[in-house]
Amino acid sequence: MVCLSIEGRQLEAPANCSILQAFIHAGETLVEGVGCMGQGVCGSCRVMVRRSGEQEVKTELACETLIEDGMQVAFLDYFTTSARHVYRIEDISDSWQTLRAISEIFPEASHCRHCNGCDRACPKGLDVQLGVSLAVDGQLTASGAVFDECVMCNLCTLACPEHIRPNHLGLFVRRTVAALTLRPANLMRRLHQIESGEMKIDFDAPGAQPPR
């Protein structure tokens, strides 16, 4: 068994547990924000972690970080900003408009201070700062590749002093690239199966409906 502290509470859990599993093992109930448990969106289990003998506090995802003896864990809430980036991908009809669209929808993206806060905050180890720079430079395919494994945990947004919301910029870039290029073959095949009735979708299945 491994001894650690989660939200100030000392608890024990099997050594092969993730932080999230250890939290459940301790008898805690998940009520919101945990996508893999059917209660939120992927990336919501963001935590701050300090390992035994280390001064540095790191941001991790509780679902994929294994517990260690002496580990201290605190879950992070996400407070959304009042300003939202509103857009319709359908309004971007050709690639000539993308640079203008980015500058209009995400004007703060060009104000990056290159402080590396987003890179340090990313629990997936993505080169977030590079992804933002590539998007501002109009290199959308390369930028989209940087954000390909983004789980929208919003930690980069919380760390950004310029309020860039890099993960939302990355999502916009990926959506734009997909909208202006040939769709993936497996996606087209799956949509065809749904439209033809070959594949049925049970909207009443557990977890099929998003939480209200």
C-alpha atoms as a PDB file:
ATOM      1  CA  MET A   1       0.000   0.000   0.000  1.00  0.00           C
ATOM      2  CA  VAL A   2       1.065   3.573  -0.739  1.00  0.00           C
ATOM      3  CA  CYS A   3       0.476   6.466   1.666  1.00  0.00           C
ATOM      4  CA  LEU A   4      -0.267   9.888   0.180  1.00  0.00           C
ATOM      5  CA  SER A   5      -2.261  13.053   0.779  1.00  0.00           C
ATOM      6  CA  ILE A   6      -5.162  14.115  -1.444  1.00  0.00           C
ATOM      7  CA  GLU A   7      -6.900  17.396  -0.679  1.00  0.00           C
ATOM      8  CA  GLY A   8      -5.198  17.417   2.715  1.00  0.00           C
ATOM      9  CA  ARG A   9      -6.512  13.979   3.652  1.00  0.00           C
ATOM     10  CA  GLN A  10      -4.091  11.147   4.410  1.00  0.00           C
ATOM     11  CA  LEU A  11      -5.075   7.905   2.701  1.00  0.00           C
ATOM     12  CA  GLU A  12      -3.745   4.571   1.512  1.00  0.00           C
ATOM     13  CA  ALA A  13      -4.221   2.830  -1.826  1.00  0.00           C
ATOM     14  CA  PRO A  14      -2.612  -0.028  -3.808  1.00  0.00           C
ATOM     15  CA  ALA A  15       0.703   0.925  -5.433  1.00  0.00           C
ATOM     16  CA  ASN A  16      -0.542   0.442  -9.004  1.00  0.00           C
ATOM     17  CA  CYS A  17      -3.375   2.979  -8.639  1.00  0.00           C
ATOM     18  CA  SER A  18      -3.658   6.275 -10.438  1.00  0.00           C
ATOM     19  CA  ILE A  19      -4.445   9.336  -8.344  1.00  0.00           C
ATOM     20  CA  LEU A  20      -8.060   9.143  -9.516  1.00  0.00           C
ATOM     21  CA  GLN A  21      -8.331   5.460  -8.586  1.00  0.00           C
ATOM     22  CA  ALA A  22      -6.789   6.147  -5.181  1.00  0.00           C
ATOM     23  CA  PHE A  23      -9.342   8.903  -4.589  1.00  0.00           C
ATOM     24  CA  ILE A  24     -12.183   6.489  -5.341  1.00  0.00           C
ATOM     25  CA  HIS A  25     -10.501   3.725  -3.290  1.00  0.00           C
ATOM     26  CA  ALA A  26     -10.594   6.088  -0.292  1.00  0.00           C
ATOM     27  CA  GLY A  27     -14.371   6.193  -0.548  1.00  0.00           C
ATOM     28  CA  GLU A  28     -14.654   9.618  -2.157  1.00  0.00           C
ATOM     29  CA  THR A  29     -17.476  10.255  -4.622  1.00  0.00           C
ATOM     30  CA  LEU A  30     -16.855  11.924  -7.973  1.00  0.00           C
ATOM     31  CA  VAL A  31     -19.567  14.440  -8.625  1.00  0.00           C
ATOM     32  CA  GLU A  32     -18.385  16.524 -11.577  1.00  0.00           C
ATOM     33  CA  GLY A  33     -15.644  17.206 -14.074  1.00  0.00           C
ATOM     34  CA  VAL A  34     -14.261  13.698 -14.679  1.00  0.00           C
ATOM     35  CA  GLY A  35     -14.841  12.716 -18.290  1.00  0.00           C
ATOM     36  CA  CYS A  36     -13.523   9.155 -18.237  1.00  0.00           C
ATOM     37  CA  MET A  37     -16.055   8.383 -15.480  1.00  0.00           C
ATOM     38  CA  GLY A  38     -18.937   9.716 -17.569  1.00  0.00           C
ATOM     39  CA  GLN A  39     -19.306  12.918 -15.587  1.00  0.00           C
ATOM     40  CA  GLY A  40     -17.463  15.616 -17.534  1.00  0.00           C
ATOM     41  CA  VAL A  41     -14.939  16.138 -20.303  1.00  0.00           C
ATOM     42  CA  CYS A  42     -11.527  14.572 -20.760  1.00  0.00           C
ATOM     43  CA  GLY A  43      -8.862  16.636 -19.048  1.00  0.00           C
ATOM     44  CA  SER A  44     -11.026  17.705 -16.116  1.00  0.00           C
ATOM     45  CA  CYS A  45      -9.057  15.674 -13.548  1.00  0.00           C
ATOM     46  CA  ARG A  46      -6.277  18.275 -13.427  1.00  0.00           C
ATOM     47  CA  VAL A  47      -4.247  18.221 -10.219  1.00  0.00           C
ATOM     48  CA  MET A  48      -1.230  19.868  -8.623  1.00  0.00           C
ATOM     49  CA  VAL A  49       1.307  17.293  -7.414  1.00  0.00           C
ATOM     50  CA  ARG A  50       4.304  17.542  -5.120  1.00  0.00           C
ATOM     51  CA  ARG A  51       6.367  14.394  -4.818  1.00  0.00           C
ATOM     52  CA  SER A  52       8.238  13.399  -1.684  1.00  0.00           C
ATOM     53  CA  GLY A  53      11.615  15.128  -1.422  1.00  0.00           C
ATOM     54  CA  GLU A  54      10.840  17.615  -4.210  1.00  0.00           C
ATOM     55  CA  GLN A  55      10.204  21.351  -3.922  1.00  0.00           C
ATOM     56  CA  GLU A  56       8.594  21.777  -7.326  1.00  0.00           C
ATOM     57  CA  VAL A  57       4.843  21.519  -7.732  1.00  0.00           C
ATOM     58  CA  LYS A  58       3.780  20.045 -11.083  1.00  0.00           C
ATOM     59  CA  THR A  59       0.468  19.903 -12.924  1.00  0.00           C
ATOM     60  CA  GLU A  60      -0.685  16.419 -13.874  1.00  0.00           C
ATOM     61  CA  LEU A  61      -3.798  14.495 -14.875  1.00  0.00           C
ATOM     62  CA  ALA A  62      -5.136  12.372 -12.028  1.00  0.00           C
ATOM     63  CA  CYS A  63      -6.311   9.640 -14.394  1.00  0.00           C
ATOM     64  CA  GLU A  64      -2.836   8.804 -15.715  1.00  0.00           C
ATOM     65  CA  THR A  65      -0.453   9.668 -12.854  1.00  0.00           C
ATOM     66  CA  LEU A  66       0.495   6.767 -10.575  1.00  0.00           C
ATOM     67  CA  ILE A  67       0.554   7.428  -6.854  1.00  0.00           C
ATOM     68  CA  GLU A  68       3.800   7.476  -4.848  1.00  0.00           C
ATOM     69  CA  ASP A  69       4.631   7.393  -1.142  1.00  0.00           C
ATOM     70  CA  GLY A  70       4.527  10.862   0.375  1.00  0.00           C
ATOM     71  CA  MET A  71       2.852  12.420  -2.669  1.00  0.00           C
ATOM     72  CA  GLN A  72       0.718  15.515  -2.013  1.00  0.00           C
ATOM     73  CA  VAL A  73      -2.195  16.118  -4.392  1.00  0.00           C
ATOM     74  CA  ALA A  74      -4.699  18.945  -4.812  1.00  0.00           C
ATOM     75  CA  PHE A  75      -7.412  19.051  -7.487  1.00  0.00           C
ATOM     76  CA  LEU A  76      -7.615  22.227  -9.590  1.00  0.00           C
ATOM     77  CA  ASP A  77     -10.880  23.978 -10.358  1.00  0.00           C
ATOM     78  CA  TYR A  78     -11.252  25.833 -13.632  1.00  0.00           C
ATOM     79  CA  PHE A  79     -12.854  29.239 -13.681  1.00  0.00           C
ATOM     80  CA  THR A  80     -13.900  30.315 -17.170  1.00  0.00           C
ATOM     81  CA  THR A  81     -13.203  33.839 -18.327  1.00  0.00           C
ATOM     82  CA  SER A  82     -16.080  36.176 -19.116  1.00  0.00           C
ATOM     83  CA  ALA A  83     -14.878  36.647 -22.707  1.00  0.00           C
ATOM     84  CA  ARG A  84     -15.514  33.735 -25.057  1.00  0.00           C
ATOM     85  CA  HIS A  85     -14.164  33.070 -28.534  1.00  0.00           C
ATOM     86  CA  VAL A  86     -17.252  32.778 -30.725  1.00  0.00           C
ATOM     87  CA  TYR A  87     -16.977  31.569 -34.312  1.00  0.00           C
ATOM     88  CA  ARG A  88     -18.581  29.396 -36.961  1.00  0.00           C
ATOM     89  CA  ILE A  89     -16.261  27.138 -38.937  1.00  0.00           C
ATOM     90  CA  GLU A  90     -18.797  27.232 -41.786  1.00  0.00           C
ATOM     91  CA  ASP A  91     -18.013  30.939 -42.248  1.00  0.00           C
ATOM     92  CA  ILE A  92     -14.402  30.106 -43.180  1.00  0.00           C
ATOM     93  CA  SER A  93     -14.937  28.932 -46.735  1.00  0.00           C
ATOM     94  CA  ASP A  94     -11.330  28.871 -47.933  1.00  0.00           C
ATOM     95  CA  SER A  95      -7.812  28.859 -46.520  1.00  0.00           C
ATOM     96  CA  TRP A  96      -7.142  32.443 -47.601  1.00  0.00           C
ATOM     97  CA  GLN A  97      -9.339  33.587 -44.715  1.00  0.00           C
ATOM     98  CA  THR A  98      -7.603  31.682 -41.915  1.00  0.00           C
ATOM     99  CA  LEU A  99      -4.973  34.255 -40.953  1.00  0.00           C
ATOM    100  CA  ARG A 100      -7.578  36.997 -40.782  1.00  0.00           C
ATOM    101  CA  ALA A 101      -9.916  34.727 -38.816  1.00  0.00           C
ATOM    102  CA  ILE A 102      -7.244  33.928 -36.221  1.00  0.00           C
ATOM    103  CA  SER A 103      -6.330  37.588 -35.777  1.00  0.00           C
ATOM    104  CA  GLU A 104     -10.006  38.535 -35.369  1.00  0.00           C
ATOM    105  CA  ILE A 105     -11.156  35.636 -33.175  1.00  0.00           C
ATOM    106  CA  PHE A 106      -7.953  35.224 -31.130  1.00  0.00           C
ATOM    107  CA  PRO A 107      -6.344  38.714 -31.234  1.00  0.00           C
ATOM    108  CA  GLU A 108      -4.465  38.030 -27.983  1.00  0.00           C
ATOM    109  CA  ALA A 109      -2.582  35.100 -29.565  1.00  0.00           C
ATOM    110  CA  SER A 110      -0.057  37.455 -31.158  1.00  0.00           C
ATOM    111  CA  HIS A 111       0.744  38.921 -27.723  1.00  0.00           C
ATOM    112  CA  CYS A 112       2.504  35.770 -26.460  1.00  0.00           C
ATOM    113  CA  ARG A 113       5.271  36.733 -23.993  1.00  0.00           C
ATOM    114  CA  HIS A 114       7.133  33.435 -24.533  1.00  0.00           C
ATOM    115  CA  CYS A 115       7.177  32.914 -20.766  1.00  0.00           C
ATOM    116  CA  ASN A 116       6.866  29.095 -21.176  1.00  0.00           C
ATOM    117  CA  GLY A 117       4.096  29.025 -18.575  1.00  0.00           C
ATOM    118  CA  CYS A 118       1.814  27.055 -20.897  1.00  0.00           C
ATOM    119  CA  ASP A 119       4.539  24.528 -21.683  1.00  0.00           C
ATOM    120  CA  ARG A 120       5.286  23.947 -18.005  1.00  0.00           C
ATOM    121  CA  ALA A 121       1.583  23.632 -17.184  1.00  0.00           C
ATOM    122  CA  CYS A 122       0.708  21.113 -19.910  1.00  0.00           C
ATOM    123  CA  PRO A 123       0.335  17.641 -18.342  1.00  0.00           C
ATOM    124  CA  LYS A 124       0.747  16.016 -21.771  1.00  0.00           C
ATOM    125  CA  GLY A 125       4.117  17.676 -22.403  1.00  0.00           C
ATOM    126  CA  LEU A 126       2.957  19.487 -25.528  1.00  0.00           C
ATOM    127  CA  ASP A 127       4.991  22.354 -26.992  1.00  0.00           C
ATOM    128  CA  VAL A 128       2.055  24.714 -26.486  1.00  0.00           C
ATOM    129  CA  GLN A 129       3.978  27.931 -27.083  1.00  0.00           C
ATOM    130  CA  LEU A 130       5.188  26.619 -30.439  1.00  0.00           C
ATOM    131  CA  GLY A 131       1.640  25.641 -31.398  1.00  0.00           C
ATOM    132  CA  VAL A 132       0.414  29.164 -30.695  1.00  0.00           C
ATOM    133  CA  SER A 133       3.277  30.731 -32.669  1.00  0.00           C
ATOM    134  CA  LEU A 134       2.646  28.450 -35.643  1.00  0.00           C
ATOM    135  CA  ALA A 135      -1.054  29.323 -35.634  1.00  0.00           C
ATOM    136  CA  VAL A 136      -0.331  33.059 -35.567  1.00  0.00           C
ATOM    137  CA  ASP A 137       2.166  32.516 -38.392  1.00  0.00           C
ATOM    138  CA  GLY A 138      -0.494  30.792 -40.500  1.00  0.00           C
ATOM    139  CA  GLN A 139       1.094  27.325 -40.364  1.00  0.00           C
ATOM    140  CA  LEU A 140      -2.152  25.639 -39.362  1.00  0.00           C
ATOM    141  CA  THR A 141      -1.255  22.046 -40.245  1.00  0.00           C
ATOM    142  CA  ALA A 142       1.906  22.184 -38.135  1.00  0.00           C
ATOM    143  CA  SER A 143       0.050  23.947 -35.323  1.00  0.00           C
ATOM    144  CA  GLY A 144      -2.726  21.354 -35.392  1.00  0.00           C
ATOM    145  CA  ALA A 145      -0.149  18.580 -35.074  1.00  0.00           C
ATOM    146  CA  VAL A 146       1.176  20.198 -31.878  1.00  0.00           C
ATOM    147  CA  PHE A 147      -2.301  20.181 -30.341  1.00  0.00           C
ATOM    148  CA  ASP A 148      -3.233  16.727 -31.639  1.00  0.00           C
ATOM    149  CA  GLU A 149      -3.030  15.117 -28.173  1.00  0.00           C
ATOM    150  CA  CYS A 150      -4.561  18.049 -26.275  1.00  0.00           C
ATOM    151  CA  VAL A 151      -7.244  16.901 -23.804  1.00  0.00           C
ATOM    152  CA  MET A 152      -8.633  20.424 -23.180  1.00  0.00           C
ATOM    153  CA  CYS A 153      -7.679  20.460 -19.501  1.00  0.00           C
ATOM    154  CA  ASN A 154      -7.346  24.268 -19.694  1.00  0.00           C
ATOM    155  CA  LEU A 155      -4.158  24.329 -17.604  1.00  0.00           C
ATOM    156  CA  CYS A 156      -2.336  26.292 -20.317  1.00  0.00           C
ATOM    157  CA  THR A 157      -5.144  28.836 -20.232  1.00  0.00           C
ATOM    158  CA  LEU A 158      -4.861  29.172 -16.466  1.00  0.00           C
ATOM    159  CA  ALA A 159      -1.092  29.698 -16.788  1.00  0.00           C
ATOM    160  CA  CYS A 160      -1.199  32.313 -19.556  1.00  0.00           C
ATOM    161  CA  PRO A 161      -0.727  35.944 -18.415  1.00  0.00           C
ATOM    162  CA  GLU A 162      -2.080  37.180 -21.763  1.00  0.00           C
ATOM    163  CA  HIS A 163      -5.319  35.119 -21.501  1.00  0.00           C
ATOM    164  CA  ILE A 164      -4.623  33.489 -24.855  1.00  0.00           C
ATOM    165  CA  ARG A 165      -6.488  30.223 -24.100  1.00  0.00           C
ATOM    166  CA  PRO A 166      -4.011  28.194 -26.215  1.00  0.00           C
ATOM    167  CA  ASN A 167      -6.022  24.975 -26.087  1.00  0.00           C
ATOM    168  CA  HIS A 168      -9.065  26.711 -27.587  1.00  0.00           C
ATOM    169  CA  LEU A 169      -6.859  28.212 -30.300  1.00  0.00           C
ATOM    170  CA  GLY A 170      -5.508  24.715 -30.970  1.00  0.00           C
ATOM    171  CA  LEU A 171      -9.038  23.328 -31.222  1.00  0.00           C
ATOM    172  CA  PHE A 172      -9.989  26.097 -33.651  1.00  0.00           C
ATOM    173  CA  VAL A 173      -6.940  25.301 -35.782  1.00  0.00           C
ATOM    174  CA  ARG A 174      -7.710  21.568 -35.867  1.00  0.00           C
ATOM    175  CA  ARG A 175     -11.351  22.226 -36.749  1.00  0.00           C
ATOM    176  CA  THR A 176     -10.337  24.630 -39.510  1.00  0.00           C
ATOM    177  CA  VAL A 177      -7.820  22.212 -41.014  1.00  0.00           C
ATOM    178  CA  ALA A 178     -10.411  19.418 -40.968  1.00  0.00           C
ATOM    179  CA  ALA A 179     -13.070  21.656 -42.516  1.00  0.00           C
ATOM    180  CA  LEU A 180     -10.830  22.812 -45.374  1.00  0.00           C
ATOM    181  CA  THR A 181      -9.256  19.449 -46.262  1.00  0.00           C
ATOM    182  CA  LEU A 182     -10.412  15.948 -47.101  1.00  0.00           C
ATOM    183  CA  ARG A 183     -11.956  14.268 -44.069  1.00  0.00           C
ATOM    184  CA  PRO A 184     -10.312  11.122 -42.622  1.00  0.00           C
ATOM    185  CA  ALA A 185     -11.480   7.934 -44.354  1.00  0.00           C
ATOM    186  CA  ASN A 186     -12.454   6.202 -41.110  1.00  0.00           C
ATOM    187  CA  LEU A 187     -14.640   9.183 -40.095  1.00  0.00           C
ATOM    188  CA  MET A 188     -16.393   9.259 -43.483  1.00  0.00           C
ATOM    189  CA  ARG A 189     -16.963   5.494 -43.277  1.00  0.00           C
ATOM    190  CA  ARG A 190     -18.439   5.724 -39.766  1.00  0.00           C
ATOM    191  CA  LEU A 191     -20.782   8.583 -40.716  1.00  0.00           C
ATOM    192  CA  HIS A 192     -21.946   6.571 -43.723  1.00  0.00           C
ATOM    193  CA  GLN A 193     -22.679   3.590 -41.449  1.00  0.00           C
ATOM    194  CA  ILE A 194     -24.760   5.810 -39.165  1.00  0.00           C
ATOM    195  CA  GLU A 195     -26.664   7.472 -42.016  1.00  0.00           C
ATOM    196  CA  SER A 196     -27.402   4.146 -43.735  1.00  0.00           C
ATOM    197  CA  GLY A 197     -28.651   2.558 -40.509  1.00  0.00           C
ATOM    198  CA  GLU A 198     -25.867  -0.031 -40.452  1.00  0.00           C
ATOM    199  CA  MET A 199     -24.749   1.337 -37.092  1.00  0.00           C
ATOM    200  CA  LYS A 200     -27.324   2.309 -34.485  1.00  0.00           C
ATOM    201  CA  ILE A 201     -26.732   4.937 -31.803  1.00  0.00           C
ATOM    202  CA  ASP A 202     -28.425   4.342 -28.467  1.00  0.00           C
ATOM    203  CA  PHE A 203     -28.930   7.827 -27.035  1.00  0.00           C
ATOM    204  CA  ASP A 204     -30.425   6.291 -23.873  1.00  0.00           C
ATOM    205  CA  ALA A 205     -27.283   4.307 -23.093  1.00  0.00           C
ATOM    206  CA  PRO A 206     -25.465   5.196 -19.835  1.00  0.00           C
ATOM    207  CA  GLY A 207     -23.161   8.134 -20.414  1.00  0.00           C
ATOM    208  CA  ALA A 208     -24.538   8.875 -23.890  1.00  0.00           C
ATOM    209  CA  GLN A 209     -26.133  12.126 -22.798  1.00  0.00           C
ATOM    210  CA  PRO A 210     -23.850  14.955 -21.556  1.00  0.00           C
ATOM    211  CA  PRO A 211     -24.470  16.169 -18.009  1.00  0.00           C
ATOM    212  CA  ARG A 212     -26.864  19.100 -17.650  1.00  0.00           C
END
